[in-house]
C-alpha atoms as a PDB file:
ATOM      1  CA  MET A   1      63.405-162.728 149.639  1.00  0.00           C
ATOM      2  CA  ILE A   2      60.181-162.646 151.727  1.00  0.00           C
ATOM      3  CA  ASP A   3      59.917-164.320 155.115  1.00  0.00           C
ATOM      4  CA  PHE A   4      56.422-165.474 156.021  1.00  0.00           C
ATOM      5  CA  LYS A   5      54.970-166.749 159.268  1.00  0.00           C
ATOM      6  CA  ILE A   6      51.929-168.876 158.454  1.00  0.00           C
ATOM      7  CA  VAL A   7      49.342-169.304 161.206  1.00  0.00           C
ATOM      8  CA  PRO A   8      46.773-171.936 160.171  1.00  0.00           C
ATOM      9  CA  ASP A   9      43.344-172.191 161.810  1.00  0.00           C
ATOM     10  CA  ALA A  10      44.198-175.812 162.621  1.00  0.00           C
ATOM     11  CA  GLY A  11      47.749-176.823 163.367  1.00  0.00           C
ATOM     12  CA  GLU A  12      50.972-175.191 164.414  1.00  0.00           C
ATOM     13  CA  PRO A  13      52.363-171.971 162.903  1.00  0.00           C
ATOM     14  CA  TYR A  14      55.314-172.399 160.569  1.00  0.00           C
ATOM     15  CA  GLU A  15      57.936-170.287 158.863  1.00  0.00           C
ATOM     16  CA  LEU A  16      58.120-170.072 155.097  1.00  0.00           C
ATOM     17  CA  LYS A  17      60.469-168.260 152.721  1.00  0.00           C
ATOM     18  CA  GLY A  18      59.080-166.843 149.490  1.00  0.00           C
ATOM     19  CA  THR A  19      61.824-167.093 146.875  1.00  0.00           C
ATOM     20  CA  THR A  20      62.358-165.604 143.442  1.00  0.00           C
ATOM     21  CA  ARG A  21      60.543-168.629 141.948  1.00  0.00           C
ATOM     22  CA  ASP A  22      57.426-167.810 143.974  1.00  0.00           C
ATOM     23  CA  VAL A  23      57.553-164.143 142.970  1.00  0.00           C
ATOM     24  CA  LEU A  24      58.035-165.204 139.334  1.00  0.00           C
ATOM     25  CA  SER A  25      54.960-167.455 139.536  1.00  0.00           C
ATOM     26  CA  TRP A  26      53.003-164.551 141.032  1.00  0.00           C
ATOM     27  CA  GLU A  27      54.179-162.185 138.259  1.00  0.00           C
ATOM     28  CA  LYS A  28      53.213-164.682 135.536  1.00  0.00           C
ATOM     29  CA  THR A  29      49.688-165.114 136.921  1.00  0.00           C
ATOM     30  CA  THR A  30      48.929-161.538 137.992  1.00  0.00           C
ATOM     31  CA  LYS A  31      48.281-158.848 135.410  1.00  0.00           C
ATOM     32  CA  GLY A  32      50.642-155.882 135.753  1.00  0.00           C
ATOM     33  CA  ALA A  33      52.593-157.467 138.601  1.00  0.00           C
ATOM     34  CA  SER A  34      56.244-156.674 139.191  1.00  0.00           C
ATOM     35  CA  LEU A  35      58.719-157.210 141.982  1.00  0.00           C
ATOM     36  CA  LYS A  36      59.085-153.432 142.332  1.00  0.00           C
ATOM     37  CA  SER A  37      55.356-152.957 142.857  1.00  0.00           C
ATOM     38  CA  LEU A  38      55.297-155.810 145.373  1.00  0.00           C
ATOM     39  CA  MET A  39      58.146-154.305 147.383  1.00  0.00           C
ATOM     40  CA  ASP A  40      57.017-150.658 147.142  1.00  0.00           C
ATOM     41  CA  ASN A  41      53.288-151.135 147.691  1.00  0.00           C
ATOM     42  CA  PRO A  42      52.428-154.631 148.919  1.00  0.00           C
ATOM     43  CA  HIS A  43      48.760-155.593 148.767  1.00  0.00           C
ATOM     44  CA  MET A  44      47.552-158.344 151.060  1.00  0.00           C
ATOM     45  CA  ALA A  45      46.038-160.327 148.177  1.00  0.00           C
ATOM     46  CA  ASP A  46      49.429-160.349 146.454  1.00  0.00           C
ATOM     47  CA  MET A  47      51.254-161.413 149.613  1.00  0.00           C
ATOM     48  CA  TYR A  48      48.813-164.286 150.126  1.00  0.00           C
ATOM     49  CA  LYS A  49      49.365-165.402 146.541  1.00  0.00           C
ATOM     50  CA  VAL A  50      53.168-165.369 146.877  1.00  0.00           C
ATOM     51  CA  ALA A  51      52.913-167.234 150.203  1.00  0.00           C
ATOM     52  CA  TRP A  52      50.556-169.774 148.606  1.00  0.00           C
ATOM     53  CA  PHE A  53      53.044-170.420 145.799  1.00  0.00           C
ATOM     54  CA  ALA A  54      55.795-170.895 148.408  1.00  0.00           C
ATOM     55  CA  ALA A  55      53.648-173.215 150.537  1.00  0.00           C
ATOM     56  CA  LYS A  56      52.757-175.332 147.498  1.00  0.00           C
ATOM     57  CA  ARG A  57      56.383-175.418 146.303  1.00  0.00           C
ATOM     58  CA  THR A  58      57.542-176.687 149.699  1.00  0.00           C
ATOM     59  CA  SER A  59      54.613-179.156 150.011  1.00  0.00           C
ATOM     60  CA  GLN A  60      53.276-177.448 153.121  1.00  0.00           C
ATOM     61  CA  PHE A  61      49.885-176.749 151.526  1.00  0.00           C
ATOM     62  CA  SER A  62      48.089-178.610 148.763  1.00  0.00           C
ATOM     63  CA  GLY A  63      44.781-176.773 148.417  1.00  0.00           C
ATOM     64  CA  THR A  64      43.617-173.903 146.254  1.00  0.00           C
ATOM     65  CA  LEU A  65      44.491-170.250 146.753  1.00  0.00           C
ATOM     66  CA  ALA A  66      40.952-169.622 148.051  1.00  0.00           C
ATOM     67  CA  GLU A  67      41.372-172.421 150.606  1.00  0.00           C
ATOM     68  CA  PHE A  68      44.738-171.000 151.671  1.00  0.00           C
ATOM     69  CA  GLU A  69      43.304-167.500 152.071  1.00  0.00           C
ATOM     70  CA  SER A  70      40.382-168.739 154.152  1.00  0.00           C
ATOM     71  CA  SER A  71      42.392-171.007 156.444  1.00  0.00           C
ATOM     72  CA  VAL A  72      45.583-169.143 157.396  1.00  0.00           C
ATOM     73  CA  ASP A  73      46.693-165.802 158.743  1.00  0.00           C
ATOM     74  CA  LEU A  74      50.015-164.528 157.631  1.00  0.00           C
ATOM     75  CA  ASP A  75      52.776-162.228 158.767  1.00  0.00           C
ATOM     76  CA  PHE A  76      55.522-161.204 156.387  1.00  0.00           C
ATOM     77  CA  GLU A  77      58.778-159.333 156.281  1.00  0.00           C
ATOM     78  CA  PHE A  78      60.912-158.399 153.310  1.00  0.00           C
ATOM     79  CA  GLU A  79      64.563-159.328 153.608  1.00  0.00           C
ATOM     80  CA  GLU A  80      66.759-156.264 153.516  1.00  0.00           C
ATOM     81  CA  ALA A  81      69.109-156.215 150.572  1.00  0.00           C
ATOM     82  CA  GLU A  82      72.691-155.832 151.659  1.00  0.00           C
ATOM     83  CA  LYS A  83      73.829-152.354 150.734  1.00  0.00           C
ATOM     84  CA  GLU A  84      77.328-151.288 149.981  1.00  0.00           C
ATOM     85  CA  PRO A  85      78.704-148.657 152.380  1.00  0.00           C
ATOM     86  CA  ASP A  86      78.387-145.097 151.105  1.00  0.00           C
ATOM     87  CA  PRO A  87      81.902-144.015 150.077  1.00  0.00           C
ATOM     88  CA  THR A  88      80.945-140.320 150.376  1.00  0.00           C
ATOM     89  CA  GLN A  89      80.164-140.308 154.089  1.00  0.00           C
END
């Protein structure tokens, strides 16, 4: 769903995939959050929170969200949904 590259202040960068479970956790803990809003207008705070949920889920980070935000940089890319070919070309 969302591919992250995590670059910690200490240690080697690593790849991380935010899944639907991470987005669901973000939606449940963020007022007014929706997948559509995340995809259409991503805010850095939201991306950090989704990445934090993914890092915790995969046991690659065990600290708080504030600790995650203050200790890593992040790059992200949304996976493109496979589209059906347009039959009216």
